[in-house]
């Protein structure tokens, strides 16, 4: 499992404070949207060469943890 804490950054002045990949302007949301639209990890890296496959898995891990924390609080 990828330790997303080393990859996902949150900066108040960048993309409205949304979680981004390694300080870039590519957000976790962007990656999730691309995956949901059917893009493969290889295609994402091909179109955005500044990304690595590990970044995509970090975005998924971050989203999974956030989802888990939402439901732990709600129950």
PDB file of N, CA and C in Angstrom:
ATOM      1  N   UNK A   1       0.838  -1.188   0.000  1.00  0.00           N
ATOM      2  CA  UNK A   1       0.000   0.000   0.000  1.00  0.00           C
ATOM      3  C   UNK A   1       0.880   1.248   0.000  1.00  0.00           C
ATOM      4  N   UNK A   2       0.516   2.207  -0.792  1.00  0.00           N
ATOM      5  CA  UNK A   2       1.268   3.442  -0.926  1.00  0.00           C
ATOM      6  C   UNK A   2       0.969   4.362   0.262  1.00  0.00           C
ATOM      7  N   UNK A   3       2.016   4.970   0.816  1.00  0.00           N
ATOM      8  CA  UNK A   3       1.824   5.946   1.889  1.00  0.00           C
ATOM      9  C   UNK A   3       1.536   7.291   1.234  1.00  0.00           C
ATOM     10  N   UNK A   4       0.261   7.614   1.091  1.00  0.00           N
ATOM     11  CA  UNK A   4      -0.132   8.824   0.383  1.00  0.00           C
ATOM     12  C   UNK A   4       0.312  10.094   1.100  1.00  0.00           C
ATOM     13  N   UNK A   5       0.616  10.011   2.385  1.00  0.00           N
ATOM     14  CA  UNK A   5       1.018  11.212   3.131  1.00  0.00           C
ATOM     15  C   UNK A   5       2.321  11.799   2.602  1.00  0.00           C
ATOM     16  N   UNK A   6       3.091  10.998   1.891  1.00  0.00           N
ATOM     17  CA  UNK A   6       4.333  11.492   1.293  1.00  0.00           C
ATOM     18  C   UNK A   6       4.105  12.076  -0.099  1.00  0.00           C
ATOM     19  N   UNK A   7       2.897  11.913  -0.631  1.00  0.00           N
ATOM     20  CA  UNK A   7       2.615  12.328  -2.004  1.00  0.00           C
ATOM     21  C   UNK A   7       1.522  13.399  -2.074  1.00  0.00           C
ATOM     22  N   UNK A   8       0.478  13.251  -1.287  1.00  0.00           N
ATOM     23  CA  UNK A   8      -0.645  14.186  -1.320  1.00  0.00           C
ATOM     24  C   UNK A   8      -0.309  15.417  -0.487  1.00  0.00           C
ATOM     25  N   UNK A   9      -0.463  16.586  -1.095  1.00  0.00           N
ATOM     26  CA  UNK A   9      -0.199  17.841  -0.390  1.00  0.00           C
ATOM     27  C   UNK A   9      -1.456  18.699  -0.406  1.00  0.00           C
ATOM     28  N   UNK A  10      -1.618  19.494   0.641  1.00  0.00           N
ATOM     29  CA  UNK A  10      -2.743  20.420   0.716  1.00  0.00           C
ATOM     30  C   UNK A  10      -2.170  21.788   1.071  1.00  0.00           C
ATOM     31  N   UNK A  11      -2.356  22.737   0.157  1.00  0.00           N
ATOM     32  CA  UNK A  11      -1.864  24.097   0.350  1.00  0.00           C
ATOM     33  C   UNK A  11      -3.040  25.057   0.177  1.00  0.00           C
ATOM     34  N   UNK A  12      -3.213  25.945   1.130  1.00  0.00           N
ATOM     35  CA  UNK A  12      -4.363  26.856   1.126  1.00  0.00           C
ATOM     36  C   UNK A  12      -4.487  27.644  -0.181  1.00  0.00           C
ATOM     37  N   UNK A  13      -3.390  28.083  -0.754  1.00  0.00           N
ATOM     38  CA  UNK A  13      -3.439  28.920  -1.938  1.00  0.00           C
ATOM     39  C   UNK A  13      -3.413  28.185  -3.261  1.00  0.00           C
ATOM     40  N   UNK A  14      -3.420  26.876  -3.229  1.00  0.00           N
ATOM     41  CA  UNK A  14      -3.332  26.095  -4.464  1.00  0.00           C
ATOM     42  C   UNK A  14      -4.604  25.298  -4.667  1.00  0.00           C
ATOM     43  N   UNK A  15      -5.264  25.528  -5.796  1.00  0.00           N
ATOM     44  CA  UNK A  15      -6.501  24.813  -6.164  1.00  0.00           C
ATOM     45  C   UNK A  15      -7.530  24.855  -5.044  1.00  0.00           C
ATOM     46  N   UNK A  16      -7.578  25.983  -4.350  1.00  0.00           N
ATOM     47  CA  UNK A  16      -8.581  26.179  -3.303  1.00  0.00           C
ATOM     48  C   UNK A  16      -8.394  25.277  -2.101  1.00  0.00           C
ATOM     49  N   UNK A  17      -7.164  24.833  -1.861  1.00  0.00           N
ATOM     50  CA  UNK A  17      -6.894  23.978  -0.714  1.00  0.00           C
ATOM     51  C   UNK A  17      -7.252  22.516  -0.921  1.00  0.00           C
ATOM     52  N   UNK A  18      -7.549  22.152  -2.163  1.00  0.00           N
ATOM     53  CA  UNK A  18      -7.868  20.750  -2.459  1.00  0.00           C
ATOM     54  C   UNK A  18      -6.600  19.904  -2.393  1.00  0.00           C
ATOM     55  N   UNK A  19      -6.730  18.626  -2.050  1.00  0.00           N
ATOM     56  CA  UNK A  19      -5.561  17.748  -2.019  1.00  0.00           C
ATOM     57  C   UNK A  19      -4.984  17.563  -3.423  1.00  0.00           C
ATOM     58  N   UNK A  20      -3.681  17.825  -3.542  1.00  0.00           N
ATOM     59  CA  UNK A  20      -2.978  17.764  -4.824  1.00  0.00           C
ATOM     60  C   UNK A  20      -1.863  16.720  -4.765  1.00  0.00           C
ATOM     61  N   UNK A  21      -1.327  16.425  -5.922  1.00  0.00           N
ATOM     62  CA  UNK A  21      -0.233  15.476  -6.048  1.00  0.00           C
ATOM     63  C   UNK A  21       1.099  16.217  -6.011  1.00  0.00           C
ATOM     64  N   UNK A  22       1.913  15.907  -5.016  1.00  0.00           N
ATOM     65  CA  UNK A  22       3.278  16.432  -4.873  1.00  0.00           C
ATOM     66  C   UNK A  22       3.404  17.918  -5.156  1.00  0.00           C
ATOM     67  N   UNK A  23       2.463  18.713  -4.674  1.00  0.00           N
ATOM     68  CA  UNK A  23       2.550  20.158  -4.833  1.00  0.00           C
ATOM     69  C   UNK A  23       2.180  20.670  -6.215  1.00  0.00           C
ATOM     70  N   UNK A  24       1.808  19.771  -7.108  1.00  0.00           N
ATOM     71  CA  UNK A  24       1.392  20.184  -8.450  1.00  0.00           C
ATOM     72  C   UNK A  24      -0.053  20.681  -8.391  1.00  0.00           C
ATOM     73  N   UNK A  25      -0.555  21.109  -9.514  1.00  0.00           N
ATOM     74  CA  UNK A  25      -1.931  21.578  -9.583  1.00  0.00           C
ATOM     75  C   UNK A  25      -2.909  20.466  -9.978  1.00  0.00           C
ATOM     76  N   UNK A  26      -2.426  19.246 -10.043  1.00  0.00           N
ATOM     77  CA  UNK A  26      -3.280  18.088 -10.322  1.00  0.00           C
ATOM     78  C   UNK A  26      -3.832  17.591  -8.994  1.00  0.00           C
ATOM     79  N   UNK A  27      -5.166  17.548  -8.901  1.00  0.00           N
ATOM     80  CA  UNK A  27      -5.805  17.169  -7.641  1.00  0.00           C
ATOM     81  C   UNK A  27      -6.150  15.679  -7.604  1.00  0.00           C
ATOM     82  N   UNK A  28      -6.420  15.220  -6.396  1.00  0.00           N
ATOM     83  CA  UNK A  28      -6.928  13.859  -6.206  1.00  0.00           C
ATOM     84  C   UNK A  28      -8.224  13.706  -6.994  1.00  0.00           C
ATOM     85  N   UNK A  29      -9.065  14.724  -6.937  1.00  0.00           N
ATOM     86  CA  UNK A  29     -10.331  14.703  -7.668  1.00  0.00           C
ATOM     87  C   UNK A  29     -10.107  14.524  -9.163  1.00  0.00           C
ATOM     88  N   UNK A  30      -9.113  15.222  -9.711  1.00  0.00           N
ATOM     89  CA  UNK A  30      -8.811  15.071 -11.149  1.00  0.00           C
ATOM     90  C   UNK A  30      -8.524  13.609 -11.477  1.00  0.00           C
ATOM     91  N   UNK A  31      -7.668  13.001 -10.684  1.00  0.00           N
ATOM     92  CA  UNK A  31      -7.275  11.608 -10.925  1.00  0.00           C
ATOM     93  C   UNK A  31      -8.470  10.670 -10.787  1.00  0.00           C
ATOM     94  N   UNK A  32      -9.277  10.862  -9.752  1.00  0.00           N
ATOM     95  CA  UNK A  32     -10.448  10.013  -9.568  1.00  0.00           C
ATOM     96  C   UNK A  32     -11.418  10.165 -10.742  1.00  0.00           C
ATOM     97  N   UNK A  33     -11.569  11.374 -11.233  1.00  0.00           N
ATOM     98  CA  UNK A  33     -12.456  11.622 -12.372  1.00  0.00           C
ATOM     99  C   UNK A  33     -11.943  10.921 -13.625  1.00  0.00           C
ATOM    100  N   UNK A  34     -10.638  10.995 -13.858  1.00  0.00           N
ATOM    101  CA  UNK A  34     -10.069  10.322 -15.024  1.00  0.00           C
ATOM    102  C   UNK A  34     -10.265   8.813 -14.937  1.00  0.00           C
ATOM    103  N   UNK A  35     -10.023   8.253 -13.761  1.00  0.00           N
ATOM    104  CA  UNK A  35     -10.213   6.811 -13.580  1.00  0.00           C
ATOM    105  C   UNK A  35     -11.685   6.429 -13.767  1.00  0.00           C
ATOM    106  N   UNK A  36     -12.584   7.243 -13.207  1.00  0.00           N
ATOM    107  CA  UNK A  36     -14.017   6.957 -13.319  1.00  0.00           C
ATOM    108  C   UNK A  36     -14.506   7.041 -14.764  1.00  0.00           C
ATOM    109  N   UNK A  37     -13.827   7.844 -15.578  1.00  0.00           N
ATOM    110  CA  UNK A  37     -14.230   7.971 -16.979  1.00  0.00           C
ATOM    111  C   UNK A  37     -13.681   6.827 -17.828  1.00  0.00           C
ATOM    112  N   UNK A  38     -12.867   5.965 -17.212  1.00  0.00           N
ATOM    113  CA  UNK A  38     -12.360   4.803 -17.931  1.00  0.00           C
ATOM    114  C   UNK A  38     -10.899   4.889 -18.336  1.00  0.00           C
ATOM    115  N   UNK A  39     -10.224   5.989 -18.008  1.00  0.00           N
ATOM    116  CA  UNK A  39      -8.802   6.084 -18.354  1.00  0.00           C
ATOM    117  C   UNK A  39      -8.011   5.077 -17.534  1.00  0.00           C
ATOM    118  N   UNK A  40      -7.057   4.445 -18.158  1.00  0.00           N
ATOM    119  CA  UNK A  40      -6.178   3.519 -17.442  1.00  0.00           C
ATOM    120  C   UNK A  40      -5.059   4.320 -16.776  1.00  0.00           C
ATOM    121  N   UNK A  41      -4.398   3.705 -15.819  1.00  0.00           N
ATOM    122  CA  UNK A  41      -3.269   4.373 -15.176  1.00  0.00           C
ATOM    123  C   UNK A  41      -2.189   4.687 -16.207  1.00  0.00           C
ATOM    124  N   UNK A  42      -1.963   3.775 -17.132  1.00  0.00           N
ATOM    125  CA  UNK A  42      -0.956   4.015 -18.179  1.00  0.00           C
ATOM    126  C   UNK A  42      -1.321   5.216 -19.046  1.00  0.00           C
ATOM    127  N   UNK A  43      -2.583   5.345 -19.401  1.00  0.00           N
ATOM    128  CA  UNK A  43      -3.038   6.460 -20.232  1.00  0.00           C
ATOM    129  C   UNK A  43      -2.900   7.786 -19.478  1.00  0.00           C
ATOM    130  N   UNK A  44      -3.223   7.786 -18.185  1.00  0.00           N
ATOM    131  CA  UNK A  44      -3.087   9.010 -17.385  1.00  0.00           C
ATOM    132  C   UNK A  44      -1.629   9.455 -17.352  1.00  0.00           C
ATOM    133  N   UNK A  45      -0.734   8.513 -17.100  1.00  0.00           N
ATOM    134  CA  UNK A  45       0.699   8.845 -17.052  1.00  0.00           C
ATOM    135  C   UNK A  45       1.200   9.283 -18.429  1.00  0.00           C
ATOM    136  N   UNK A  46       0.663   8.690 -19.472  1.00  0.00           N
ATOM    137  CA  UNK A  46       1.049   9.084 -20.834  1.00  0.00           C
ATOM    138  C   UNK A  46       0.623  10.530 -21.112  1.00  0.00           C
ATOM    139  N   UNK A  47      -0.604  10.886 -20.704  1.00  0.00           N
ATOM    140  CA  UNK A  47      -1.115  12.224 -20.974  1.00  0.00           C
ATOM    141  C   UNK A  47      -0.577  13.272 -20.000  1.00  0.00           C
ATOM    142  N   UNK A  48      -0.187  12.833 -18.822  1.00  0.00           N
ATOM    143  CA  UNK A  48       0.358  13.728 -17.795  1.00  0.00           C
ATOM    144  C   UNK A  48       1.685  13.142 -17.311  1.00  0.00           C
ATOM    145  N   UNK A  49       2.745  13.302 -18.100  1.00  0.00           N
ATOM    146  CA  UNK A  49       4.021  12.645 -17.793  1.00  0.00           C
ATOM    147  C   UNK A  49       4.665  13.089 -16.484  1.00  0.00           C
ATOM    148  N   UNK A  50       4.188  14.184 -15.901  1.00  0.00           N
ATOM    149  CA  UNK A  50       4.704  14.589 -14.600  1.00  0.00           C
ATOM    150  C   UNK A  50       4.193  13.680 -13.477  1.00  0.00           C
ATOM    151  N   UNK A  51       3.174  12.880 -13.782  1.00  0.00           N
ATOM    152  CA  UNK A  51       2.637  11.920 -12.814  1.00  0.00           C
ATOM    153  C   UNK A  51       3.338  10.577 -12.933  1.00  0.00           C
ATOM    154  N   UNK A  52       3.318   9.848 -11.826  1.00  0.00           N
ATOM    155  CA  UNK A  52       3.820   8.473 -11.790  1.00  0.00           C
ATOM    156  C   UNK A  52       2.663   7.576 -11.369  1.00  0.00           C
ATOM    157  N   UNK A  53       2.740   6.321 -11.708  1.00  0.00           N
ATOM    158  CA  UNK A  53       1.690   5.372 -11.323  1.00  0.00           C
ATOM    159  C   UNK A  53       1.491   5.400  -9.812  1.00  0.00           C
ATOM    160  N   UNK A  54       2.569   5.559  -9.054  1.00  0.00           N
ATOM    161  CA  UNK A  54       2.468   5.636  -7.596  1.00  0.00           C
ATOM    162  C   UNK A  54       1.583   6.806  -7.152  1.00  0.00           C
ATOM    163  N   UNK A  55       1.594   7.909  -7.893  1.00  0.00           N
ATOM    164  CA  UNK A  55       0.749   9.059  -7.578  1.00  0.00           C
ATOM    165  C   UNK A  55      -0.727   8.694  -7.689  1.00  0.00           C
ATOM    166  N   UNK A  56      -1.050   7.908  -8.685  1.00  0.00           N
ATOM    167  CA  UNK A  56      -2.443   7.496  -8.895  1.00  0.00           C
ATOM    168  C   UNK A  56      -2.900   6.602  -7.752  1.00  0.00           C
ATOM    169  N   UNK A  57      -2.045   5.675  -7.345  1.00  0.00           N
ATOM    170  CA  UNK A  57      -2.393   4.814  -6.219  1.00  0.00           C
ATOM    171  C   UNK A  57      -2.476   5.604  -4.920  1.00  0.00           C
ATOM    172  N   UNK A  58      -1.654   6.641  -4.788  1.00  0.00           N
ATOM    173  CA  UNK A  58      -1.726   7.507  -3.607  1.00  0.00           C
ATOM    174  C   UNK A  58      -3.073   8.226  -3.565  1.00  0.00           C
ATOM    175  N   UNK A  59      -3.555   8.691  -4.709  1.00  0.00           N
ATOM    176  CA  UNK A  59      -4.856   9.354  -4.778  1.00  0.00           C
ATOM    177  C   UNK A  59      -5.971   8.392  -4.363  1.00  0.00           C
ATOM    178  N   UNK A  60      -5.884   7.161  -4.832  1.00  0.00           N
ATOM    179  CA  UNK A  60      -6.888   6.154  -4.451  1.00  0.00           C
ATOM    180  C   UNK A  60      -6.824   5.840  -2.956  1.00  0.00           C
ATOM    181  N   UNK A  61      -5.638   5.727  -2.410  1.00  0.00           N
ATOM    182  CA  UNK A  61      -5.479   5.455  -0.977  1.00  0.00           C
ATOM    183  C   UNK A  61      -6.018   6.608  -0.149  1.00  0.00           C
ATOM    184  N   UNK A  62      -5.726   7.826  -0.571  1.00  0.00           N
ATOM    185  CA  UNK A  62      -6.225   9.008   0.119  1.00  0.00           C
ATOM    186  C   UNK A  62      -7.753   9.006   0.126  1.00  0.00           C
ATOM    187  N   UNK A  63      -8.351   8.762  -1.042  1.00  0.00           N
ATOM    188  CA  UNK A  63      -9.812   8.746  -1.149  1.00  0.00           C
ATOM    189  C   UNK A  63     -10.418   7.633  -0.295  1.00  0.00           C
ATOM    190  N   UNK A  64      -9.788   6.479  -0.264  1.00  0.00           N
ATOM    191  CA  UNK A  64     -10.292   5.370   0.553  1.00  0.00           C
ATOM    192  C   UNK A  64     -10.244   5.720   2.037  1.00  0.00           C
ATOM    193  N   UNK A  65      -9.152   6.325   2.480  1.00  0.00           N
ATOM    194  CA  UNK A  65      -9.049   6.723   3.883  1.00  0.00           C
ATOM    195  C   UNK A  65     -10.082   7.786   4.239  1.00  0.00           C
ATOM    196  N   UNK A  66     -10.271   8.731   3.348  1.00  0.00           N
ATOM    197  CA  UNK A  66     -11.261   9.785   3.600  1.00  0.00           C
ATOM    198  C   UNK A  66     -12.661   9.182   3.676  1.00  0.00           C
ATOM    199  N   UNK A  67     -12.967   8.272   2.793  1.00  0.00           N
ATOM    200  CA  UNK A  67     -14.268   7.597   2.797  1.00  0.00           C
ATOM    201  C   UNK A  67     -14.461   6.817   4.100  1.00  0.00           C
ATOM    202  N   UNK A  68     -13.427   6.113   4.503  1.00  0.00           N
ATOM    203  CA  UNK A  68     -13.485   5.333   5.744  1.00  0.00           C
ATOM    204  C   UNK A  68     -13.733   6.251   6.939  1.00  0.00           C
ATOM    205  N   UNK A  69     -13.057   7.387   6.985  1.00  0.00           N
ATOM    206  CA  UNK A  69     -13.211   8.290   8.129  1.00  0.00           C
ATOM    207  C   UNK A  69     -14.600   8.917   8.170  1.00  0.00           C
ATOM    208  N   UNK A  70     -15.186   9.169   7.014  1.00  0.00           N
ATOM    209  CA  UNK A  70     -16.548   9.724   6.969  1.00  0.00           C
ATOM    210  C   UNK A  70     -17.528   8.745   7.586  1.00  0.00           C
ATOM    211  N   UNK A  71     -17.427   7.483   7.227  1.00  0.00           N
ATOM    212  CA  UNK A  71     -18.381   6.490   7.723  1.00  0.00           C
ATOM    213  C   UNK A  71     -18.125   6.081   9.162  1.00  0.00           C
ATOM    214  N   UNK A  72     -16.904   6.188   9.633  1.00  0.00           N
ATOM    215  CA  UNK A  72     -16.624   5.908  11.048  1.00  0.00           C
ATOM    216  C   UNK A  72     -17.255   6.951  11.932  1.00  0.00           C
ATOM    217  N   UNK A  73     -17.266   8.201  11.495  1.00  0.00           N
ATOM    218  CA  UNK A  73     -17.861   9.286  12.268  1.00  0.00           C
ATOM    219  C   UNK A  73     -19.382   9.181  12.234  1.00  0.00           C
ATOM    220  N   UNK A  74     -19.939   8.811  11.075  1.00  0.00           N
ATOM    221  CA  UNK A  74     -21.384   8.778  10.896  1.00  0.00           C
ATOM    222  C   UNK A  74     -22.056   7.629  11.635  1.00  0.00           C
ATOM    223  N   UNK A  75     -21.339   6.572  11.901  1.00  0.00           N
ATOM    224  CA  UNK A  75     -21.955   5.385  12.514  1.00  0.00           C
ATOM    225  C   UNK A  75     -22.044   5.517  13.996  1.00  0.00           C
TER     226      UNK A  75
END
